[in-house]
Amino acid sequence: MCGNNMSAPLPAIVPAARKATAAVIFLHGLGDTGHGWAEAMAGIRTPHVKYICPHAPVMPVSLNMNMAMPSWFDIIGLSPDAEEDETGIKKAAESIKALIDQEVKNGIPSHRIVLGGFSQGGALSLYTALTTHQKLAGVVALSCWLPLRNSLSKSVIGSNKEIAILQCHGEADPLVPLIFGCLTVEKLKTMLNPNNITFKTYARMPHSASAMFVTTFFF
């Protein structure tokens, strides 16, 4: 846990070994923090890439009997037609856009920034990329879904109609079933260039990440 208040601590950062000319912003899943993902990134780091793993604020989560835990937004249900926390999702996306803006001010152009995440963090990374004016290098979406998909269309996509997306999902995922990944990739292909979307599945893999899962995607 990252504290008992509603604000989140500063992100866990793996600095570039040399001058940072690119960045990866990676968002953890529900109930987690950025520390474990920062450790994973440290194991696969490349010299000119800075890795930023922010922590979600602590808040009550409806799905978990309103227990307070790190969460990017409220999750009300886990079915494809479940009610969604539209206000919370949009607020969380704005916080990630502000983090991207900060890196741009630090000298890394937005088109050299990859946004990624696992589970709830992957969902937020997809939604943020589709709704931001910032042109990004790509998105890595692991074991996740596309939030507010019914309100998204080709007409609302900003600067990232040609963005590269790598989506990965475990075929034995009991928490975010594979159907979520399949529905997501189908929706993405209606809004973006389908040639830039890659969907990989992993046999017998549950709702977790392995070294193979993580190393699939970086530079």
C-alpha atoms as a PDB file:
ATOM      1  CA  MET A   1       0.000   0.000   0.000  1.00  0.00           C
ATOM      2  CA  CYS A   2       1.178   3.526  -0.638  1.00  0.00           C
ATOM      3  CA  GLY A   3      -0.390   5.323   2.277  1.00  0.00           C
ATOM      4  CA  ASN A   4      -3.864   6.101   3.602  1.00  0.00           C
ATOM      5  CA  ASN A   5      -4.589   9.426   1.946  1.00  0.00           C
ATOM      6  CA  MET A   6      -6.049  10.214  -1.442  1.00  0.00           C
ATOM      7  CA  SER A   7      -2.847  11.557  -2.970  1.00  0.00           C
ATOM      8  CA  ALA A   8      -0.172   9.383  -4.508  1.00  0.00           C
ATOM      9  CA  PRO A   9       3.574   9.588  -3.811  1.00  0.00           C
ATOM     10  CA  LEU A  10       6.080  10.491  -6.483  1.00  0.00           C
ATOM     11  CA  PRO A  11       6.612   7.870  -9.205  1.00  0.00           C
ATOM     12  CA  ALA A  12       9.254   5.153  -8.965  1.00  0.00           C
ATOM     13  CA  ILE A  13      11.853   6.048 -11.589  1.00  0.00           C
ATOM     14  CA  VAL A  14      14.591   4.026 -13.268  1.00  0.00           C
ATOM     15  CA  PRO A  15      16.875   6.694 -14.760  1.00  0.00           C
ATOM     16  CA  ALA A  16      18.585   6.254 -18.085  1.00  0.00           C
ATOM     17  CA  ALA A  17      22.166   4.997 -17.807  1.00  0.00           C
ATOM     18  CA  ARG A  18      23.164   7.779 -20.201  1.00  0.00           C
ATOM     19  CA  LYS A  19      21.308  10.881 -21.382  1.00  0.00           C
ATOM     20  CA  ALA A  20      17.590  10.086 -21.602  1.00  0.00           C
ATOM     21  CA  THR A  21      16.264  10.575 -25.127  1.00  0.00           C
ATOM     22  CA  ALA A  22      13.133   8.439 -24.661  1.00  0.00           C
ATOM     23  CA  ALA A  23      10.824   7.427 -21.826  1.00  0.00           C
ATOM     24  CA  VAL A  24       8.464   4.630 -20.847  1.00  0.00           C
ATOM     25  CA  ILE A  25       5.579   5.480 -18.515  1.00  0.00           C
ATOM     26  CA  PHE A  26       4.159   2.224 -17.119  1.00  0.00           C
ATOM     27  CA  LEU A  27       1.010   2.002 -14.981  1.00  0.00           C
ATOM     28  CA  HIS A  28       0.485  -0.777 -12.424  1.00  0.00           C
ATOM     29  CA  GLY A  29      -2.705  -2.726 -11.779  1.00  0.00           C
ATOM     30  CA  LEU A  30      -5.337  -2.485  -9.046  1.00  0.00           C
ATOM     31  CA  GLY A  31      -3.987  -2.731  -5.494  1.00  0.00           C
ATOM     32  CA  ASP A  32      -0.360  -2.566  -6.611  1.00  0.00           C
ATOM     33  CA  THR A  33       2.274   0.189  -6.691  1.00  0.00           C
ATOM     34  CA  GLY A  34       4.867   1.210  -9.238  1.00  0.00           C
ATOM     35  CA  HIS A  35       7.791  -0.265  -7.303  1.00  0.00           C
ATOM     36  CA  GLY A  36       7.596  -3.828  -8.608  1.00  0.00           C
ATOM     37  CA  TRP A  37       7.281  -2.674 -12.201  1.00  0.00           C
ATOM     38  CA  ALA A  38      10.226  -0.303 -11.725  1.00  0.00           C
ATOM     39  CA  GLU A  39      12.302  -3.304 -10.614  1.00  0.00           C
ATOM     40  CA  ALA A  40      11.200  -5.213 -13.724  1.00  0.00           C
ATOM     41  CA  MET A  41      12.122  -2.290 -15.960  1.00  0.00           C
ATOM     42  CA  ALA A  42      15.518  -2.001 -14.281  1.00  0.00           C
ATOM     43  CA  GLY A  43      16.190  -5.564 -15.415  1.00  0.00           C
ATOM     44  CA  ILE A  44      15.547  -4.803 -19.099  1.00  0.00           C
ATOM     45  CA  ARG A  45      16.619  -1.164 -19.268  1.00  0.00           C
ATOM     46  CA  THR A  46      18.298   0.320 -22.305  1.00  0.00           C
ATOM     47  CA  PRO A  47      20.878   3.119 -21.997  1.00  0.00           C
ATOM     48  CA  HIS A  48      18.908   6.100 -23.295  1.00  0.00           C
ATOM     49  CA  VAL A  49      15.442   5.275 -21.903  1.00  0.00           C
ATOM     50  CA  LYS A  50      14.014   6.607 -18.647  1.00  0.00           C
ATOM     51  CA  TYR A  51      11.364   4.392 -17.019  1.00  0.00           C
ATOM     52  CA  ILE A  52       8.637   6.055 -14.947  1.00  0.00           C
ATOM     53  CA  CYS A  53       6.276   3.937 -12.839  1.00  0.00           C
ATOM     54  CA  PRO A  54       3.727   6.144 -11.070  1.00  0.00           C
ATOM     55  CA  HIS A  55       1.628   5.042  -8.093  1.00  0.00           C
ATOM     56  CA  ALA A  56      -2.159   5.248  -8.166  1.00  0.00           C
ATOM     57  CA  PRO A  57      -3.897   7.141  -5.356  1.00  0.00           C
ATOM     58  CA  VAL A  58      -5.566   5.133  -2.597  1.00  0.00           C
ATOM     59  CA  MET A  59      -9.370   5.098  -2.874  1.00  0.00           C
ATOM     60  CA  PRO A  60     -12.375   2.890  -2.063  1.00  0.00           C
ATOM     61  CA  VAL A  61     -13.067   0.338  -4.825  1.00  0.00           C
ATOM     62  CA  SER A  62     -16.660  -0.791  -5.329  1.00  0.00           C
ATOM     63  CA  LEU A  63     -15.637  -4.186  -6.706  1.00  0.00           C
ATOM     64  CA  ASN A  64     -13.741  -4.952  -3.480  1.00  0.00           C
ATOM     65  CA  MET A  65     -16.527  -4.024  -1.023  1.00  0.00           C
ATOM     66  CA  ASN A  66     -15.337  -0.405  -0.944  1.00  0.00           C
ATOM     67  CA  MET A  67     -12.007  -1.336   0.597  1.00  0.00           C
ATOM     68  CA  ALA A  68      -9.423   1.391   0.077  1.00  0.00           C
ATOM     69  CA  MET A  69      -6.468   0.436  -2.102  1.00  0.00           C
ATOM     70  CA  PRO A  70      -4.267   1.936  -4.834  1.00  0.00           C
ATOM     71  CA  SER A  71      -6.564   2.382  -7.817  1.00  0.00           C
ATOM     72  CA  TRP A  72      -6.487   4.644 -10.871  1.00  0.00           C
ATOM     73  CA  PHE A  73     -10.303   4.834 -10.865  1.00  0.00           C
ATOM     74  CA  ASP A  74     -13.237   2.975  -9.337  1.00  0.00           C
ATOM     75  CA  ILE A  75     -14.135  -0.457 -10.727  1.00  0.00           C
ATOM     76  CA  ILE A  76     -17.797  -1.300 -10.294  1.00  0.00           C
ATOM     77  CA  GLY A  77     -17.985  -4.663 -12.085  1.00  0.00           C
ATOM     78  CA  LEU A  78     -15.986  -7.065 -14.230  1.00  0.00           C
ATOM     79  CA  SER A  79     -18.422  -7.866 -17.035  1.00  0.00           C
ATOM     80  CA  PRO A  80     -18.107  -6.254 -20.489  1.00  0.00           C
ATOM     81  CA  ASP A  81     -21.352  -4.309 -19.922  1.00  0.00           C
ATOM     82  CA  ALA A  82     -20.631  -3.249 -16.318  1.00  0.00           C
ATOM     83  CA  GLU A  83     -21.172   0.356 -15.268  1.00  0.00           C
ATOM     84  CA  GLU A  84     -17.959   2.406 -15.482  1.00  0.00           C
ATOM     85  CA  ASP A  85     -16.510   5.247 -13.426  1.00  0.00           C
ATOM     86  CA  GLU A  86     -16.479   7.769 -16.273  1.00  0.00           C
ATOM     87  CA  THR A  87     -15.507  10.741 -14.101  1.00  0.00           C
ATOM     88  CA  GLY A  88     -12.695   8.819 -12.412  1.00  0.00           C
ATOM     89  CA  ILE A  89     -11.339   7.411 -15.684  1.00  0.00           C
ATOM     90  CA  LYS A  90     -11.210  10.853 -17.293  1.00  0.00           C
ATOM     91  CA  LYS A  91      -9.581  12.389 -14.206  1.00  0.00           C
ATOM     92  CA  ALA A  92      -6.950   9.638 -14.121  1.00  0.00           C
ATOM     93  CA  ALA A  93      -6.227  10.126 -17.827  1.00  0.00           C
ATOM     94  CA  GLU A  94      -5.654  13.839 -17.241  1.00  0.00           C
ATOM     95  CA  SER A  95      -3.116  13.009 -14.510  1.00  0.00           C
ATOM     96  CA  ILE A  96      -1.180  10.774 -16.934  1.00  0.00           C
ATOM     97  CA  LYS A  97      -1.319  13.454 -19.649  1.00  0.00           C
ATOM     98  CA  ALA A  98       0.180  15.881 -17.117  1.00  0.00           C
ATOM     99  CA  LEU A  99       2.977  13.377 -16.445  1.00  0.00           C
ATOM    100  CA  ILE A 100       3.668  13.185 -20.195  1.00  0.00           C
ATOM    101  CA  ASP A 101       3.712  16.984 -20.384  1.00  0.00           C
ATOM    102  CA  GLN A 102       6.261  17.052 -17.562  1.00  0.00           C
ATOM    103  CA  GLU A 103       8.584  14.729 -19.471  1.00  0.00           C
ATOM    104  CA  VAL A 104       8.224  16.909 -22.567  1.00  0.00           C
ATOM    105  CA  LYS A 105       9.284  19.878 -20.423  1.00  0.00           C
ATOM    106  CA  ASN A 106      12.234  17.761 -19.268  1.00  0.00           C
ATOM    107  CA  GLY A 107      13.367  17.544 -22.891  1.00  0.00           C
ATOM    108  CA  ILE A 108      11.898  14.227 -24.103  1.00  0.00           C
ATOM    109  CA  PRO A 109       9.560  14.770 -27.081  1.00  0.00           C
ATOM    110  CA  SER A 110       6.179  13.076 -26.724  1.00  0.00           C
ATOM    111  CA  HIS A 111       6.778  10.993 -29.866  1.00  0.00           C
ATOM    112  CA  ARG A 112       9.654   9.353 -27.951  1.00  0.00           C
ATOM    113  CA  ILE A 113       7.397   8.343 -25.036  1.00  0.00           C
ATOM    114  CA  VAL A 114       5.813   4.888 -24.771  1.00  0.00           C
ATOM    115  CA  LEU A 115       2.780   4.540 -22.513  1.00  0.00           C
ATOM    116  CA  GLY A 116       2.021   1.143 -21.043  1.00  0.00           C
ATOM    117  CA  GLY A 117       0.343  -0.695 -18.221  1.00  0.00           C
ATOM    118  CA  PHE A 118      -0.927  -3.927 -16.708  1.00  0.00           C
ATOM    119  CA  SER A 119      -4.609  -4.689 -16.028  1.00  0.00           C
ATOM    120  CA  GLN A 120      -6.280  -1.474 -14.778  1.00  0.00           C
ATOM    121  CA  GLY A 121      -3.089   0.404 -15.660  1.00  0.00           C
ATOM    122  CA  GLY A 122      -3.172  -1.009 -19.195  1.00  0.00           C
ATOM    123  CA  ALA A 123      -6.779   0.086 -19.524  1.00  0.00           C
ATOM    124  CA  LEU A 124      -5.849   3.613 -18.474  1.00  0.00           C
ATOM    125  CA  SER A 125      -2.867   3.694 -20.836  1.00  0.00           C
ATOM    126  CA  LEU A 126      -5.113   2.814 -23.799  1.00  0.00           C
ATOM    127  CA  TYR A 127      -7.761   5.378 -22.900  1.00  0.00           C
ATOM    128  CA  THR A 128      -5.152   8.087 -22.324  1.00  0.00           C
ATOM    129  CA  ALA A 129      -3.418   7.459 -25.653  1.00  0.00           C
ATOM    130  CA  LEU A 130      -6.709   7.605 -27.554  1.00  0.00           C
ATOM    131  CA  THR A 131      -7.839  10.856 -25.964  1.00  0.00           C
ATOM    132  CA  THR A 132      -4.650  12.911 -25.712  1.00  0.00           C
ATOM    133  CA  HIS A 133      -3.390  15.581 -28.122  1.00  0.00           C
ATOM    134  CA  GLN A 134       0.169  14.392 -27.413  1.00  0.00           C
ATOM    135  CA  LYS A 135       1.633  12.279 -30.210  1.00  0.00           C
ATOM    136  CA  LEU A 136       3.080   9.186 -28.527  1.00  0.00           C
ATOM    137  CA  ALA A 137       5.559   6.530 -29.678  1.00  0.00           C
ATOM    138  CA  GLY A 138       3.294   3.619 -28.806  1.00  0.00           C
ATOM    139  CA  VAL A 139       1.239   1.783 -26.201  1.00  0.00           C
ATOM    140  CA  VAL A 140       1.840  -1.540 -24.466  1.00  0.00           C
ATOM    141  CA  ALA A 141      -1.411  -2.891 -23.012  1.00  0.00           C
ATOM    142  CA  LEU A 142      -1.082  -6.043 -20.871  1.00  0.00           C
ATOM    143  CA  SER A 143      -4.052  -8.107 -19.639  1.00  0.00           C
ATOM    144  CA  CYS A 144      -6.505  -5.257 -19.930  1.00  0.00           C
ATOM    145  CA  TRP A 145      -9.511  -3.703 -21.646  1.00  0.00           C
ATOM    146  CA  LEU A 146     -10.559  -0.410 -23.262  1.00  0.00           C
ATOM    147  CA  PRO A 147     -12.524   1.783 -20.828  1.00  0.00           C
ATOM    148  CA  LEU A 148     -15.545   3.790 -22.006  1.00  0.00           C
ATOM    149  CA  ARG A 149     -15.267   2.043 -25.364  1.00  0.00           C
ATOM    150  CA  ASN A 150     -18.858   2.883 -26.342  1.00  0.00           C
ATOM    151  CA  SER A 151     -18.132   6.605 -26.137  1.00  0.00           C
ATOM    152  CA  LEU A 152     -14.980   6.337 -28.254  1.00  0.00           C
ATOM    153  CA  SER A 153     -14.980   6.549 -32.027  1.00  0.00           C
ATOM    154  CA  LYS A 154     -12.602   7.405 -34.836  1.00  0.00           C
ATOM    155  CA  SER A 155     -13.759  11.027 -34.652  1.00  0.00           C
ATOM    156  CA  VAL A 156     -12.530  11.552 -31.077  1.00  0.00           C
ATOM    157  CA  ILE A 157      -8.998  10.245 -31.630  1.00  0.00           C
ATOM    158  CA  GLY A 158      -6.512  13.094 -31.436  1.00  0.00           C
ATOM    159  CA  SER A 159      -2.882  12.786 -32.510  1.00  0.00           C
ATOM    160  CA  ASN A 160      -2.526   9.013 -32.336  1.00  0.00           C
ATOM    161  CA  LYS A 161      -4.530   7.550 -35.213  1.00  0.00           C
ATOM    162  CA  GLU A 162      -1.326   5.853 -36.472  1.00  0.00           C
ATOM    163  CA  ILE A 163       0.003   4.819 -33.071  1.00  0.00           C
ATOM    164  CA  ALA A 164       1.612   1.387 -32.639  1.00  0.00           C
ATOM    165  CA  ILE A 165      -0.149  -0.754 -30.031  1.00  0.00           C
ATOM    166  CA  LEU A 166       1.087  -4.041 -28.598  1.00  0.00           C
ATOM    167  CA  GLN A 167      -1.662  -5.804 -26.679  1.00  0.00           C
ATOM    168  CA  CYS A 168      -0.881  -9.000 -24.723  1.00  0.00           C
ATOM    169  CA  HIS A 169      -3.223 -11.280 -22.790  1.00  0.00           C
ATOM    170  CA  GLY A 170      -3.003 -14.573 -20.924  1.00  0.00           C
ATOM    171  CA  GLU A 171      -5.421 -17.165 -22.275  1.00  0.00           C
ATOM    172  CA  ALA A 172      -6.129 -18.500 -18.752  1.00  0.00           C
ATOM    173  CA  ASP A 173      -6.803 -15.095 -17.171  1.00  0.00           C
ATOM    174  CA  PRO A 174      -9.705 -15.515 -14.664  1.00  0.00           C
ATOM    175  CA  LEU A 175      -9.891 -11.845 -13.594  1.00  0.00           C
ATOM    176  CA  VAL A 176      -9.794 -10.065 -16.955  1.00  0.00           C
ATOM    177  CA  PRO A 177     -10.858 -12.888 -19.285  1.00  0.00           C
ATOM    178  CA  LEU A 178      -9.405 -13.174 -22.773  1.00  0.00           C
ATOM    179  CA  ILE A 179     -12.717 -11.994 -24.262  1.00  0.00           C
ATOM    180  CA  PHE A 180     -11.907  -8.507 -22.888  1.00  0.00           C
ATOM    181  CA  GLY A 181      -8.693  -8.486 -24.903  1.00  0.00           C
ATOM    182  CA  CYS A 182     -10.472  -9.736 -28.023  1.00  0.00           C
ATOM    183  CA  LEU A 183     -13.232  -7.117 -27.777  1.00  0.00           C
ATOM    184  CA  THR A 184     -10.599  -4.436 -27.198  1.00  0.00           C
ATOM    185  CA  VAL A 185      -8.487  -5.281 -30.229  1.00  0.00           C
ATOM    186  CA  GLU A 186     -11.619  -5.415 -32.410  1.00  0.00           C
ATOM    187  CA  LYS A 187     -12.648  -1.938 -31.232  1.00  0.00           C
ATOM    188  CA  LEU A 188      -9.136  -0.526 -31.678  1.00  0.00           C
ATOM    189  CA  LYS A 189      -9.011  -1.759 -35.269  1.00  0.00           C
ATOM    190  CA  THR A 190     -12.159   0.234 -36.075  1.00  0.00           C
ATOM    191  CA  MET A 191     -10.568   3.459 -34.826  1.00  0.00           C
ATOM    192  CA  LEU A 192      -6.877   3.132 -35.661  1.00  0.00           C
ATOM    193  CA  ASN A 193      -4.715   1.767 -38.458  1.00  0.00           C
ATOM    194  CA  PRO A 194      -5.151  -2.004 -37.948  1.00  0.00           C
ATOM    195  CA  ASN A 195      -1.707  -2.636 -39.428  1.00  0.00           C
ATOM    196  CA  ASN A 196      -0.194  -0.948 -36.372  1.00  0.00           C
ATOM    197  CA  ILE A 197      -1.961  -3.156 -33.816  1.00  0.00           C
ATOM    198  CA  THR A 198      -0.413  -6.407 -32.575  1.00  0.00           C
ATOM    199  CA  PHE A 199      -2.321  -8.811 -30.308  1.00  0.00           C
ATOM    200  CA  LYS A 200      -0.389 -11.620 -28.608  1.00  0.00           C
ATOM    201  CA  THR A 201      -1.905 -14.308 -26.386  1.00  0.00           C
ATOM    202  CA  TYR A 202      -0.106 -16.669 -24.015  1.00  0.00           C
ATOM    203  CA  ALA A 203      -1.333 -20.220 -23.398  1.00  0.00           C
ATOM    204  CA  ARG A 204      -2.023 -21.219 -19.762  1.00  0.00           C
ATOM    205  CA  MET A 205      -1.071 -17.775 -18.497  1.00  0.00           C
ATOM    206  CA  PRO A 206      -3.287 -16.370 -15.699  1.00  0.00           C
ATOM    207  CA  HIS A 207      -3.675 -12.737 -14.639  1.00  0.00           C
ATOM    208  CA  SER A 208       0.020 -12.127 -14.077  1.00  0.00           C
ATOM    209  CA  ALA A 209       3.189 -11.031 -15.779  1.00  0.00           C
ATOM    210  CA  SER A 210       6.324 -13.063 -16.431  1.00  0.00           C
ATOM    211  CA  ALA A 211       9.787 -12.091 -17.581  1.00  0.00           C
ATOM    212  CA  MET A 212       8.839 -13.243 -21.096  1.00  0.00           C
ATOM    213  CA  PHE A 213       5.703 -11.111 -20.955  1.00  0.00           C
ATOM    214  CA  VAL A 214       7.666  -8.020 -19.967  1.00  0.00           C
ATOM    215  CA  THR A 215      10.592  -8.440 -22.325  1.00  0.00           C
ATOM    216  CA  THR A 216       8.290  -8.910 -25.329  1.00  0.00           C
ATOM    217  CA  PHE A 217       7.880  -5.239 -25.813  1.00  0.00           C
ATOM    218  CA  PHE A 218      10.809  -2.976 -25.108  1.00  0.00           C
ATOM    219  CA  PHE A 219      12.958  -1.352 -27.737  1.00  0.00           C
END
